[in-house]
N, C-alpha and C. Protein backbone atom coordinates (compact mmCIF):
# COMPACT_ATOMS: atom_id res chain seq x y z
N UNK A 1 18.04 -12.56 -5.60
CA UNK A 1 17.00 -12.53 -4.56
C UNK A 1 17.46 -11.60 -3.43
N UNK A 2 16.60 -10.66 -3.09
CA UNK A 2 16.96 -9.69 -2.08
C UNK A 2 16.83 -10.27 -0.68
N UNK A 3 17.74 -9.85 0.20
CA UNK A 3 17.64 -10.17 1.62
C UNK A 3 16.89 -9.01 2.27
N UNK A 4 15.56 -9.13 2.30
CA UNK A 4 14.73 -8.02 2.75
C UNK A 4 14.98 -7.69 4.22
N UNK A 5 15.28 -8.70 5.02
CA UNK A 5 15.53 -8.43 6.44
C UNK A 5 16.74 -7.52 6.61
N UNK A 6 17.83 -7.80 5.91
CA UNK A 6 19.02 -6.97 6.01
C UNK A 6 18.76 -5.57 5.47
N UNK A 7 18.01 -5.46 4.37
CA UNK A 7 17.71 -4.15 3.81
C UNK A 7 16.91 -3.30 4.79
N UNK A 8 15.91 -3.91 5.43
CA UNK A 8 15.07 -3.17 6.38
C UNK A 8 15.87 -2.82 7.63
N UNK A 9 16.64 -3.77 8.16
CA UNK A 9 17.43 -3.50 9.36
C UNK A 9 18.49 -2.43 9.10
N UNK A 10 19.15 -2.49 7.96
CA UNK A 10 20.16 -1.47 7.65
C UNK A 10 19.53 -0.09 7.54
N UNK A 11 18.33 -0.03 7.02
CA UNK A 11 17.62 1.26 6.96
C UNK A 11 17.24 1.73 8.37
N UNK A 12 16.79 0.79 9.21
CA UNK A 12 16.37 1.15 10.57
C UNK A 12 17.54 1.65 11.41
N UNK A 13 18.75 1.18 11.15
CA UNK A 13 19.90 1.63 11.93
C UNK A 13 20.20 3.11 11.72
N UNK A 14 19.63 3.70 10.68
CA UNK A 14 19.85 5.13 10.41
C UNK A 14 18.69 6.00 10.88
N UNK A 15 17.72 5.41 11.52
CA UNK A 15 16.57 6.18 12.00
C UNK A 15 16.94 6.98 13.24
N UNK A 16 16.17 8.03 13.47
CA UNK A 16 16.32 8.81 14.70
C UNK A 16 15.52 8.14 15.81
N UNK A 17 15.75 8.62 17.04
CA UNK A 17 15.00 8.06 18.18
C UNK A 17 13.51 8.27 18.01
N UNK A 18 13.12 9.45 17.51
CA UNK A 18 11.69 9.76 17.35
C UNK A 18 11.03 8.81 16.35
N UNK A 19 11.68 8.60 15.22
CA UNK A 19 11.12 7.69 14.22
C UNK A 19 10.98 6.28 14.77
N UNK A 20 12.00 5.82 15.47
CA UNK A 20 11.96 4.47 16.04
C UNK A 20 10.85 4.34 17.08
N UNK A 21 10.65 5.37 17.89
CA UNK A 21 9.58 5.33 18.89
C UNK A 21 8.22 5.29 18.23
N UNK A 22 8.05 6.02 17.13
CA UNK A 22 6.78 6.00 16.40
C UNK A 22 6.51 4.59 15.87
N UNK A 23 7.53 3.97 15.29
CA UNK A 23 7.37 2.61 14.76
C UNK A 23 7.04 1.64 15.89
N UNK A 24 7.72 1.77 17.03
CA UNK A 24 7.42 0.92 18.18
C UNK A 24 5.99 1.12 18.67
N UNK A 25 5.56 2.38 18.72
CA UNK A 25 4.19 2.66 19.17
C UNK A 25 3.15 2.07 18.24
N UNK A 26 3.36 2.24 16.93
CA UNK A 26 2.43 1.65 15.96
C UNK A 26 2.46 0.13 16.06
N UNK A 27 3.65 -0.44 16.25
CA UNK A 27 3.75 -1.88 16.40
C UNK A 27 2.98 -2.39 17.61
N UNK A 28 3.06 -1.68 18.73
CA UNK A 28 2.31 -2.06 19.92
C UNK A 28 0.81 -1.97 19.68
N UNK A 29 0.38 -0.93 18.95
CA UNK A 29 -1.03 -0.79 18.62
C UNK A 29 -1.52 -1.98 17.80
N UNK A 30 -0.75 -2.33 16.77
CA UNK A 30 -1.09 -3.49 15.95
C UNK A 30 -1.11 -4.77 16.79
N UNK A 31 -0.09 -4.97 17.61
CA UNK A 31 0.08 -6.23 18.32
C UNK A 31 -0.96 -6.45 19.40
N UNK A 32 -1.28 -5.40 20.17
CA UNK A 32 -2.09 -5.58 21.36
C UNK A 32 -3.54 -5.14 21.21
N UNK A 33 -3.83 -4.20 20.30
CA UNK A 33 -5.19 -3.69 20.18
C UNK A 33 -5.64 -3.61 18.72
N UNK A 34 -5.08 -4.44 17.87
CA UNK A 34 -5.37 -4.34 16.44
C UNK A 34 -6.83 -4.53 16.09
N UNK A 35 -7.55 -5.43 16.79
CA UNK A 35 -8.93 -5.71 16.41
C UNK A 35 -9.84 -4.51 16.65
N UNK A 36 -9.48 -3.63 17.58
CA UNK A 36 -10.31 -2.46 17.87
C UNK A 36 -10.24 -1.41 16.76
N UNK A 37 -9.17 -1.44 16.00
CA UNK A 37 -8.97 -0.45 14.93
C UNK A 37 -8.78 -1.16 13.58
N UNK A 38 -9.50 -2.29 13.42
CA UNK A 38 -9.26 -3.14 12.26
C UNK A 38 -9.48 -2.41 10.94
N UNK A 39 -10.55 -1.64 10.82
CA UNK A 39 -10.83 -0.96 9.56
C UNK A 39 -9.70 0.01 9.20
N UNK A 40 -9.26 0.80 10.15
CA UNK A 40 -8.20 1.77 9.88
C UNK A 40 -6.87 1.08 9.59
N UNK A 41 -6.55 0.04 10.36
CA UNK A 41 -5.27 -0.65 10.17
C UNK A 41 -5.24 -1.44 8.87
N UNK A 42 -6.38 -2.01 8.46
CA UNK A 42 -6.41 -2.69 7.17
C UNK A 42 -6.21 -1.68 6.03
N UNK A 43 -6.74 -0.47 6.21
CA UNK A 43 -6.52 0.56 5.20
C UNK A 43 -5.04 0.93 5.11
N UNK A 44 -4.36 1.01 6.26
CA UNK A 44 -2.93 1.28 6.25
C UNK A 44 -2.17 0.15 5.56
N UNK A 45 -2.58 -1.09 5.83
CA UNK A 45 -1.93 -2.23 5.19
C UNK A 45 -2.11 -2.19 3.68
N UNK A 46 -3.34 -1.90 3.24
CA UNK A 46 -3.59 -1.82 1.80
C UNK A 46 -2.78 -0.69 1.17
N UNK A 47 -2.69 0.45 1.86
CA UNK A 47 -1.90 1.55 1.32
C UNK A 47 -0.42 1.17 1.24
N UNK A 48 0.09 0.50 2.29
CA UNK A 48 1.48 0.09 2.27
C UNK A 48 1.78 -0.92 1.18
N UNK A 49 0.88 -1.90 1.01
CA UNK A 49 1.08 -2.88 -0.06
C UNK A 49 0.96 -2.24 -1.43
N UNK A 50 0.06 -1.25 -1.55
CA UNK A 50 -0.04 -0.52 -2.81
C UNK A 50 1.22 0.24 -3.14
N UNK A 51 1.86 0.78 -2.10
CA UNK A 51 3.13 1.48 -2.31
C UNK A 51 4.21 0.53 -2.81
N UNK A 52 4.29 -0.64 -2.18
CA UNK A 52 5.28 -1.64 -2.60
C UNK A 52 5.04 -2.06 -4.05
N UNK A 53 3.79 -2.40 -4.37
CA UNK A 53 3.49 -2.84 -5.73
C UNK A 53 3.66 -1.72 -6.74
N UNK A 54 3.35 -0.48 -6.32
CA UNK A 54 3.54 0.64 -7.22
C UNK A 54 5.01 0.87 -7.55
N UNK A 55 5.87 0.76 -6.54
CA UNK A 55 7.31 0.93 -6.78
C UNK A 55 7.83 -0.17 -7.69
N UNK A 56 7.37 -1.41 -7.47
CA UNK A 56 7.80 -2.52 -8.32
C UNK A 56 7.35 -2.31 -9.75
N UNK A 57 6.09 -1.86 -9.92
CA UNK A 57 5.58 -1.62 -11.27
C UNK A 57 6.34 -0.50 -11.97
N UNK A 58 6.69 0.52 -11.22
CA UNK A 58 7.45 1.64 -11.81
C UNK A 58 8.81 1.16 -12.31
N UNK A 59 9.46 0.30 -11.51
CA UNK A 59 10.79 -0.16 -11.89
C UNK A 59 10.76 -1.17 -13.03
N UNK A 60 9.79 -2.11 -12.98
CA UNK A 60 9.75 -3.17 -13.98
C UNK A 60 9.16 -2.71 -15.30
N UNK A 61 8.12 -1.91 -15.24
CA UNK A 61 7.40 -1.50 -16.45
C UNK A 61 7.77 -0.10 -16.92
N UNK A 62 8.68 0.56 -16.17
CA UNK A 62 9.12 1.91 -16.51
C UNK A 62 7.94 2.88 -16.61
N UNK A 63 7.06 2.80 -15.63
CA UNK A 63 5.91 3.68 -15.57
C UNK A 63 6.28 4.98 -14.86
N UNK A 64 5.47 6.02 -15.01
CA UNK A 64 5.73 7.27 -14.28
C UNK A 64 5.71 7.03 -12.77
N UNK A 65 6.55 7.75 -12.04
CA UNK A 65 6.63 7.56 -10.59
C UNK A 65 5.32 7.92 -9.91
N UNK A 66 4.46 8.67 -10.61
CA UNK A 66 3.16 9.04 -10.04
C UNK A 66 2.33 7.80 -9.70
N UNK A 67 2.60 6.70 -10.41
CA UNK A 67 1.87 5.45 -10.14
C UNK A 67 2.13 4.97 -8.72
N UNK A 68 3.36 5.13 -8.26
CA UNK A 68 3.73 4.70 -6.90
C UNK A 68 3.07 5.55 -5.84
N UNK A 69 2.52 6.70 -6.22
CA UNK A 69 1.83 7.57 -5.26
C UNK A 69 0.32 7.35 -5.33
N UNK A 70 -0.19 7.18 -6.55
CA UNK A 70 -1.63 7.02 -6.73
C UNK A 70 -2.10 5.67 -6.20
N UNK A 71 -1.32 4.61 -6.45
CA UNK A 71 -1.74 3.26 -6.05
C UNK A 71 -2.01 3.13 -4.56
N UNK A 72 -1.10 3.54 -3.68
CA UNK A 72 -1.40 3.40 -2.24
C UNK A 72 -2.54 4.29 -1.78
N UNK A 73 -2.65 5.49 -2.35
CA UNK A 73 -3.74 6.38 -1.95
C UNK A 73 -5.09 5.78 -2.35
N UNK A 74 -5.17 5.24 -3.56
CA UNK A 74 -6.43 4.67 -4.03
C UNK A 74 -6.81 3.43 -3.21
N UNK A 75 -5.84 2.56 -2.95
CA UNK A 75 -6.12 1.34 -2.18
C UNK A 75 -6.51 1.67 -0.74
N UNK A 76 -5.82 2.65 -0.15
CA UNK A 76 -6.13 3.02 1.22
C UNK A 76 -7.52 3.59 1.37
N UNK A 77 -7.93 4.45 0.45
CA UNK A 77 -9.28 5.03 0.51
C UNK A 77 -10.33 3.96 0.25
N UNK A 78 -10.11 3.12 -0.76
CA UNK A 78 -11.07 2.06 -1.06
C UNK A 78 -11.23 1.10 0.11
N UNK A 79 -10.15 0.85 0.83
CA UNK A 79 -10.20 -0.08 1.95
C UNK A 79 -11.09 0.41 3.08
N UNK A 80 -11.22 1.71 3.22
CA UNK A 80 -12.06 2.26 4.27
C UNK A 80 -13.54 1.98 4.03
N UNK A 81 -13.92 1.80 2.77
CA UNK A 81 -15.33 1.60 2.42
C UNK A 81 -15.68 0.13 2.16
N UNK A 82 -14.69 -0.68 1.85
CA UNK A 82 -14.93 -2.10 1.54
C UNK A 82 -14.05 -2.94 2.45
N UNK A 83 -14.55 -3.15 3.68
CA UNK A 83 -13.71 -3.76 4.69
C UNK A 83 -13.37 -5.21 4.36
N UNK A 84 -14.36 -5.97 3.89
CA UNK A 84 -14.09 -7.38 3.62
C UNK A 84 -13.05 -7.54 2.51
N UNK A 85 -13.16 -6.76 1.46
CA UNK A 85 -12.17 -6.82 0.39
C UNK A 85 -10.80 -6.35 0.89
N UNK A 86 -10.81 -5.33 1.76
CA UNK A 86 -9.54 -4.86 2.33
C UNK A 86 -8.90 -5.94 3.18
N UNK A 87 -9.73 -6.66 3.94
CA UNK A 87 -9.20 -7.74 4.77
C UNK A 87 -8.62 -8.86 3.91
N UNK A 88 -9.32 -9.19 2.83
CA UNK A 88 -8.84 -10.23 1.93
C UNK A 88 -7.51 -9.82 1.30
N UNK A 89 -7.44 -8.58 0.81
CA UNK A 89 -6.21 -8.09 0.18
C UNK A 89 -5.07 -8.05 1.20
N UNK A 90 -5.36 -7.58 2.41
CA UNK A 90 -4.34 -7.51 3.45
C UNK A 90 -3.84 -8.89 3.83
N UNK A 91 -4.76 -9.85 3.92
CA UNK A 91 -4.37 -11.21 4.27
C UNK A 91 -3.48 -11.82 3.20
N UNK A 92 -3.85 -11.65 1.93
CA UNK A 92 -3.04 -12.19 0.84
C UNK A 92 -1.65 -11.56 0.83
N UNK A 93 -1.60 -10.25 0.99
CA UNK A 93 -0.30 -9.56 0.97
C UNK A 93 0.55 -9.96 2.17
N UNK A 94 -0.05 -10.02 3.35
CA UNK A 94 0.70 -10.34 4.57
C UNK A 94 1.27 -11.75 4.52
N UNK A 95 0.44 -12.72 4.18
CA UNK A 95 0.91 -14.10 4.19
C UNK A 95 1.81 -14.40 2.99
N UNK A 96 1.60 -13.70 1.87
CA UNK A 96 2.52 -13.86 0.75
C UNK A 96 3.90 -13.34 1.09
N UNK A 97 3.96 -12.15 1.72
CA UNK A 97 5.24 -11.58 2.12
C UNK A 97 5.90 -12.42 3.20
N UNK A 98 5.10 -12.93 4.14
CA UNK A 98 5.65 -13.76 5.21
C UNK A 98 6.23 -15.06 4.65
N UNK A 99 5.52 -15.66 3.70
CA UNK A 99 6.01 -16.91 3.12
C UNK A 99 7.33 -16.70 2.39
N UNK A 100 7.44 -15.59 1.63
CA UNK A 100 8.70 -15.34 0.94
C UNK A 100 9.82 -15.04 1.94
N UNK A 101 9.50 -14.30 2.98
CA UNK A 101 10.50 -13.97 3.99
C UNK A 101 11.05 -15.24 4.64
N UNK A 102 10.17 -16.15 5.01
CA UNK A 102 10.63 -17.40 5.62
C UNK A 102 11.43 -18.23 4.63
N UNK A 103 11.01 -18.21 3.36
CA UNK A 103 11.76 -18.96 2.34
C UNK A 103 13.17 -18.40 2.19
N UNK A 104 13.29 -17.08 2.22
CA UNK A 104 14.61 -16.45 2.12
C UNK A 104 15.46 -16.80 3.33
N UNK A 105 14.85 -16.76 4.52
CA UNK A 105 15.59 -17.08 5.74
C UNK A 105 16.06 -18.53 5.75
N UNK A 106 15.31 -19.39 5.11
CA UNK A 106 15.68 -20.81 5.04
C UNK A 106 16.67 -21.09 3.92
N UNK A 107 16.97 -20.09 3.11
CA UNK A 107 17.99 -20.22 2.07
C UNK A 107 17.55 -21.00 0.84
N UNK A 108 16.26 -20.95 0.50
CA UNK A 108 15.80 -21.68 -0.68
C UNK A 108 16.18 -20.93 -1.95
N UNK A 109 16.06 -21.60 -3.08
CA UNK A 109 16.40 -20.99 -4.37
C UNK A 109 15.41 -19.88 -4.71
N UNK A 110 15.82 -18.90 -5.53
CA UNK A 110 14.94 -17.77 -5.86
C UNK A 110 13.61 -18.19 -6.47
N UNK A 111 13.62 -19.21 -7.35
CA UNK A 111 12.35 -19.60 -7.98
C UNK A 111 11.39 -20.20 -6.96
N UNK A 112 11.93 -20.93 -5.97
CA UNK A 112 11.09 -21.46 -4.90
C UNK A 112 10.56 -20.31 -4.04
N UNK A 113 11.37 -19.29 -3.87
CA UNK A 113 10.94 -18.13 -3.10
C UNK A 113 9.74 -17.45 -3.75
N UNK A 114 9.75 -17.36 -5.08
CA UNK A 114 8.62 -16.75 -5.78
C UNK A 114 7.37 -17.63 -5.66
N UNK A 115 7.56 -18.94 -5.69
CA UNK A 115 6.42 -19.85 -5.49
C UNK A 115 5.85 -19.70 -4.08
N UNK A 116 6.73 -19.40 -3.13
CA UNK A 116 6.27 -19.21 -1.75
C UNK A 116 5.31 -18.03 -1.65
N UNK A 117 5.54 -16.99 -2.44
CA UNK A 117 4.62 -15.85 -2.44
C UNK A 117 3.24 -16.28 -2.88
N UNK A 118 3.17 -17.05 -3.96
CA UNK A 118 1.89 -17.51 -4.47
C UNK A 118 1.18 -18.40 -3.45
N UNK A 119 1.94 -19.32 -2.85
CA UNK A 119 1.35 -20.22 -1.86
C UNK A 119 0.87 -19.44 -0.63
N UNK A 120 1.68 -18.48 -0.18
CA UNK A 120 1.28 -17.68 0.97
C UNK A 120 0.06 -16.84 0.69
N UNK A 121 0.00 -16.24 -0.51
CA UNK A 121 -1.17 -15.43 -0.88
C UNK A 121 -2.42 -16.28 -0.97
N UNK A 122 -2.29 -17.48 -1.52
CA UNK A 122 -3.44 -18.38 -1.60
C UNK A 122 -3.91 -18.80 -0.20
N UNK A 123 -2.96 -19.04 0.69
CA UNK A 123 -3.31 -19.37 2.07
C UNK A 123 -4.04 -18.21 2.74
N UNK A 124 -3.52 -16.99 2.54
CA UNK A 124 -4.17 -15.82 3.11
C UNK A 124 -5.58 -15.62 2.57
N UNK A 125 -5.77 -15.91 1.27
CA UNK A 125 -7.10 -15.80 0.67
C UNK A 125 -8.06 -16.79 1.29
N UNK A 126 -7.60 -18.01 1.52
CA UNK A 126 -8.47 -19.05 2.08
C UNK A 126 -8.90 -18.73 3.51
N UNK A 127 -8.05 -18.02 4.25
CA UNK A 127 -8.37 -17.73 5.65
C UNK A 127 -9.59 -16.82 5.79
N UNK A 128 -9.89 -16.04 4.76
CA UNK A 128 -11.07 -15.17 4.81
C UNK A 128 -12.33 -16.00 4.97
N UNK A 129 -12.34 -17.21 4.42
CA UNK A 129 -13.51 -18.08 4.48
C UNK A 129 -13.42 -19.10 5.60
N UNK A 130 -12.23 -19.30 6.15
CA UNK A 130 -12.04 -20.30 7.19
C UNK A 130 -12.21 -19.71 8.58
N UNK A 131 -11.59 -18.56 8.83
CA UNK A 131 -11.65 -17.95 10.18
C UNK A 131 -11.70 -16.43 10.06
N UNK A 132 -12.74 -15.94 9.40
CA UNK A 132 -12.77 -14.50 9.13
C UNK A 132 -12.98 -13.65 10.37
N UNK A 133 -13.61 -14.20 11.41
CA UNK A 133 -13.79 -13.42 12.63
C UNK A 133 -12.46 -13.10 13.30
N UNK A 134 -11.55 -14.07 13.31
CA UNK A 134 -10.28 -13.89 13.99
C UNK A 134 -9.17 -13.39 13.06
N UNK A 135 -9.45 -13.33 11.76
CA UNK A 135 -8.40 -12.96 10.82
C UNK A 135 -7.84 -11.55 11.05
N UNK A 136 -8.67 -10.52 11.34
CA UNK A 136 -8.08 -9.21 11.64
C UNK A 136 -7.10 -9.25 12.80
N UNK A 137 -7.38 -10.09 13.79
CA UNK A 137 -6.47 -10.23 14.92
C UNK A 137 -5.15 -10.84 14.48
N UNK A 138 -5.23 -11.92 13.69
CA UNK A 138 -4.02 -12.60 13.24
C UNK A 138 -3.16 -11.67 12.37
N UNK A 139 -3.79 -10.96 11.45
CA UNK A 139 -3.04 -10.09 10.54
C UNK A 139 -2.36 -8.97 11.31
N UNK A 140 -3.09 -8.30 12.18
CA UNK A 140 -2.50 -7.17 12.91
C UNK A 140 -1.40 -7.63 13.86
N UNK A 141 -1.53 -8.84 14.42
CA UNK A 141 -0.47 -9.34 15.30
C UNK A 141 0.80 -9.61 14.50
N UNK A 142 0.66 -10.25 13.34
CA UNK A 142 1.84 -10.52 12.51
C UNK A 142 2.55 -9.23 12.12
N UNK A 143 1.77 -8.25 11.69
CA UNK A 143 2.37 -6.99 11.29
C UNK A 143 2.96 -6.25 12.48
N UNK A 144 2.27 -6.31 13.61
CA UNK A 144 2.78 -5.65 14.81
C UNK A 144 4.08 -6.26 15.29
N UNK A 145 4.19 -7.59 15.20
CA UNK A 145 5.44 -8.25 15.60
C UNK A 145 6.60 -7.78 14.74
N UNK A 146 6.38 -7.69 13.44
CA UNK A 146 7.44 -7.20 12.55
C UNK A 146 7.82 -5.77 12.84
N UNK A 147 6.81 -4.91 13.06
CA UNK A 147 7.09 -3.50 13.35
C UNK A 147 7.85 -3.35 14.66
N UNK A 148 7.52 -4.15 15.67
CA UNK A 148 8.22 -4.06 16.94
C UNK A 148 9.69 -4.44 16.81
N UNK A 149 9.98 -5.48 16.03
CA UNK A 149 11.37 -5.89 15.85
C UNK A 149 12.15 -4.79 15.12
N UNK A 150 11.55 -4.24 14.07
CA UNK A 150 12.24 -3.18 13.31
C UNK A 150 12.40 -1.94 14.18
N UNK A 151 11.36 -1.58 14.94
CA UNK A 151 11.47 -0.43 15.83
C UNK A 151 12.53 -0.63 16.89
N UNK A 152 12.66 -1.86 17.40
CA UNK A 152 13.70 -2.15 18.38
C UNK A 152 15.09 -1.96 17.78
N UNK A 153 15.26 -2.42 16.54
CA UNK A 153 16.56 -2.24 15.88
C UNK A 153 16.89 -0.76 15.75
N UNK A 154 15.92 0.04 15.32
CA UNK A 154 16.16 1.47 15.16
C UNK A 154 16.47 2.16 16.47
N UNK A 155 15.68 1.86 17.53
CA UNK A 155 15.89 2.54 18.81
C UNK A 155 17.16 2.07 19.50
N UNK A 156 17.46 0.79 19.43
CA UNK A 156 18.65 0.27 20.10
C UNK A 156 19.93 0.79 19.44
N UNK A 157 19.94 0.89 18.11
CA UNK A 157 21.15 1.41 17.44
C UNK A 157 21.31 2.91 17.69
N UNK A 158 20.20 3.60 17.98
CA UNK A 158 20.29 5.02 18.26
C UNK A 158 20.74 5.29 19.70
N UNK A 159 20.26 4.48 20.65
CA UNK A 159 20.56 4.70 22.06
C UNK A 159 21.72 3.85 22.58
N UNK A 160 21.81 2.62 22.10
CA UNK A 160 22.89 1.71 22.53
C UNK A 160 23.42 0.99 21.30
N UNK A 161 24.28 1.66 20.53
CA UNK A 161 24.73 1.09 19.25
C UNK A 161 25.29 -0.32 19.34
N UNK A 162 26.04 -0.62 20.39
CA UNK A 162 26.61 -1.96 20.50
C UNK A 162 25.52 -3.03 20.57
N UNK A 163 24.44 -2.75 21.29
CA UNK A 163 23.33 -3.68 21.40
C UNK A 163 22.62 -3.84 20.06
N UNK A 164 22.32 -2.71 19.43
CA UNK A 164 21.59 -2.75 18.17
C UNK A 164 22.36 -3.46 17.07
N UNK A 165 23.64 -3.11 16.91
CA UNK A 165 24.43 -3.73 15.84
C UNK A 165 24.72 -5.20 16.14
N UNK A 166 24.81 -5.55 17.41
CA UNK A 166 24.98 -6.96 17.76
C UNK A 166 23.74 -7.76 17.37
N UNK A 167 22.56 -7.18 17.62
CA UNK A 167 21.31 -7.85 17.25
C UNK A 167 21.24 -8.04 15.73
N UNK A 168 21.60 -7.01 14.98
CA UNK A 168 21.59 -7.11 13.52
C UNK A 168 22.57 -8.17 13.05
N UNK A 169 23.76 -8.20 13.66
CA UNK A 169 24.76 -9.19 13.29
C UNK A 169 24.28 -10.61 13.59
N UNK A 170 23.66 -10.80 14.74
CA UNK A 170 23.13 -12.12 15.09
C UNK A 170 22.01 -12.53 14.14
N UNK A 171 21.20 -11.57 13.71
CA UNK A 171 20.10 -11.90 12.80
C UNK A 171 20.61 -12.43 11.47
N UNK A 172 21.84 -12.03 11.09
CA UNK A 172 22.44 -12.54 9.86
C UNK A 172 23.03 -13.93 10.11
N UNK A 173 23.70 -14.11 11.24
CA UNK A 173 24.33 -15.40 11.54
C UNK A 173 23.31 -16.48 11.88
N UNK A 174 22.20 -16.07 12.52
CA UNK A 174 21.15 -17.02 12.91
C UNK A 174 19.87 -16.66 12.16
N UNK A 175 19.67 -17.22 10.98
CA UNK A 175 18.55 -16.80 10.12
C UNK A 175 17.17 -16.95 10.76
N UNK A 176 17.03 -17.89 11.68
CA UNK A 176 15.72 -18.13 12.29
C UNK A 176 15.55 -17.40 13.62
N UNK A 177 16.50 -16.55 14.00
CA UNK A 177 16.39 -15.84 15.27
C UNK A 177 15.22 -14.86 15.25
N UNK A 178 15.14 -14.05 14.21
CA UNK A 178 14.05 -13.07 14.13
C UNK A 178 12.69 -13.75 13.96
N UNK A 179 12.56 -14.76 13.08
CA UNK A 179 11.27 -15.47 13.05
C UNK A 179 10.88 -16.07 14.39
N UNK A 180 11.85 -16.58 15.14
CA UNK A 180 11.55 -17.11 16.47
C UNK A 180 11.07 -16.02 17.41
N UNK A 181 11.71 -14.85 17.35
CA UNK A 181 11.28 -13.73 18.19
C UNK A 181 9.88 -13.27 17.80
N UNK A 182 9.61 -13.22 16.50
CA UNK A 182 8.28 -12.83 16.04
C UNK A 182 7.22 -13.84 16.48
N UNK A 183 7.60 -15.11 16.53
CA UNK A 183 6.66 -16.13 17.00
C UNK A 183 6.29 -15.90 18.46
N UNK A 184 7.27 -15.57 19.30
CA UNK A 184 6.98 -15.29 20.71
C UNK A 184 6.09 -14.05 20.84
N UNK A 185 6.36 -13.02 20.04
CA UNK A 185 5.51 -11.83 20.07
C UNK A 185 4.11 -12.15 19.58
N UNK A 186 4.01 -13.04 18.60
CA UNK A 186 2.69 -13.44 18.09
C UNK A 186 1.88 -14.11 19.19
N UNK A 187 2.50 -15.02 19.93
CA UNK A 187 1.79 -15.70 21.02
C UNK A 187 1.31 -14.69 22.06
N UNK A 188 2.18 -13.74 22.40
CA UNK A 188 1.80 -12.71 23.36
C UNK A 188 0.63 -11.88 22.83
N UNK A 189 0.74 -11.41 21.60
CA UNK A 189 -0.31 -10.57 21.03
C UNK A 189 -1.62 -11.31 20.89
N UNK A 190 -1.56 -12.58 20.49
CA UNK A 190 -2.81 -13.33 20.32
C UNK A 190 -3.51 -13.55 21.65
N UNK A 191 -2.74 -13.85 22.69
CA UNK A 191 -3.36 -14.06 24.00
C UNK A 191 -4.04 -12.78 24.48
N UNK A 192 -3.43 -11.63 24.22
CA UNK A 192 -4.02 -10.35 24.65
C UNK A 192 -5.24 -10.01 23.81
N UNK A 193 -5.10 -10.06 22.50
CA UNK A 193 -6.20 -9.64 21.63
C UNK A 193 -7.38 -10.60 21.69
N UNK A 194 -7.11 -11.90 21.69
CA UNK A 194 -8.21 -12.87 21.72
C UNK A 194 -9.01 -12.75 23.00
N UNK A 195 -8.33 -12.58 24.13
CA UNK A 195 -9.04 -12.42 25.40
C UNK A 195 -9.83 -11.13 25.43
N UNK A 196 -9.25 -10.05 24.93
CA UNK A 196 -9.96 -8.77 24.91
C UNK A 196 -11.15 -8.82 23.97
N UNK A 197 -10.99 -9.47 22.83
CA UNK A 197 -12.07 -9.55 21.85
C UNK A 197 -13.24 -10.37 22.38
N UNK A 198 -12.95 -11.50 23.02
CA UNK A 198 -14.01 -12.35 23.55
C UNK A 198 -14.66 -11.75 24.78
N UNK A 199 -13.91 -10.94 25.54
CA UNK A 199 -14.46 -10.38 26.76
C UNK A 199 -14.98 -8.97 26.63
N UNK A 200 -14.99 -8.43 25.41
CA UNK A 200 -15.44 -7.05 25.20
C UNK A 200 -16.96 -7.04 25.10
N UNK A 201 -17.64 -7.20 26.26
CA UNK A 201 -19.10 -7.33 26.26
C UNK A 201 -19.76 -6.01 25.90
N UNK A 202 -19.18 -4.92 26.31
CA UNK A 202 -19.84 -3.63 26.14
C UNK A 202 -19.92 -3.23 24.67
N UNK A 203 -18.80 -3.37 23.95
CA UNK A 203 -18.79 -2.93 22.55
C UNK A 203 -18.96 -4.07 21.58
N UNK A 204 -18.63 -5.30 21.98
CA UNK A 204 -18.80 -6.45 21.11
C UNK A 204 -17.85 -6.49 19.94
N UNK A 205 -16.73 -5.84 20.01
CA UNK A 205 -15.79 -5.83 18.88
C UNK A 205 -15.90 -4.55 18.11
N UNK A 206 -15.00 -4.35 17.20
CA UNK A 206 -14.95 -3.11 16.45
C UNK A 206 -15.98 -3.12 15.34
N UNK A 207 -16.42 -1.95 14.83
CA UNK A 207 -17.40 -1.89 13.75
C UNK A 207 -16.93 -2.64 12.51
N UNK A 208 -15.63 -2.62 12.27
CA UNK A 208 -15.12 -3.30 11.08
C UNK A 208 -15.44 -4.78 11.12
N UNK A 209 -15.32 -5.42 12.27
CA UNK A 209 -15.62 -6.85 12.38
C UNK A 209 -17.09 -7.10 12.21
N UNK A 210 -17.97 -6.22 12.71
CA UNK A 210 -19.39 -6.39 12.52
C UNK A 210 -19.75 -6.30 11.04
N UNK A 211 -19.15 -5.35 10.33
CA UNK A 211 -19.41 -5.24 8.91
C UNK A 211 -18.95 -6.49 8.18
N UNK A 212 -17.85 -7.06 8.62
CA UNK A 212 -17.32 -8.25 7.97
C UNK A 212 -18.27 -9.43 8.16
N UNK A 213 -18.81 -9.57 9.36
CA UNK A 213 -19.70 -10.69 9.62
C UNK A 213 -21.00 -10.55 8.86
N UNK A 214 -21.43 -9.33 8.65
CA UNK A 214 -22.70 -9.11 7.96
C UNK A 214 -22.59 -9.27 6.46
N UNK A 215 -21.34 -9.19 5.94
CA UNK A 215 -21.17 -9.23 4.50
C UNK A 215 -21.23 -10.65 3.97
């Protein structure tokens, strides 16, 4: 079972300042204003999940590497035209990945970790029918919180290595430190986005949300 947090953090420690700032900027966009760009951000999520699944399929099934390129491009383009399906796919992927991540952080057995993916994906699927108006906000906040943490690791190791590597070391010693930090960021992002969404009298929300409600 892979320790995805360590793999991502170790990769981020080799990023340049510019790359880290871009990740931080995208994370802030997701966290604080995600509902305004829901259609575009869901397309990015679908493309990213397609890339992950394409790479896995290439490795497991020994398919041509072209599959890992075609899959994200096809999913990203399709997501722009079918917002509700893109939201459903993004929700399943986000909550499935989050469930496995938490299972890994809690130190469960690998087979339980795989079951966590299924349970998380099923939970994400159900949310489309339970709270579909607020689901784009929830998804973008979760993703934005993760991007901000990774961007912080990259920027801190580039500008203040002692700070960055200490944070990475603590994240290994304290498995729930990063989930706790993401929870605080989630509360911040939800308070900002929910208030902006409810008080956006002039535009009434993004076009993507209107399309979702009409579908």
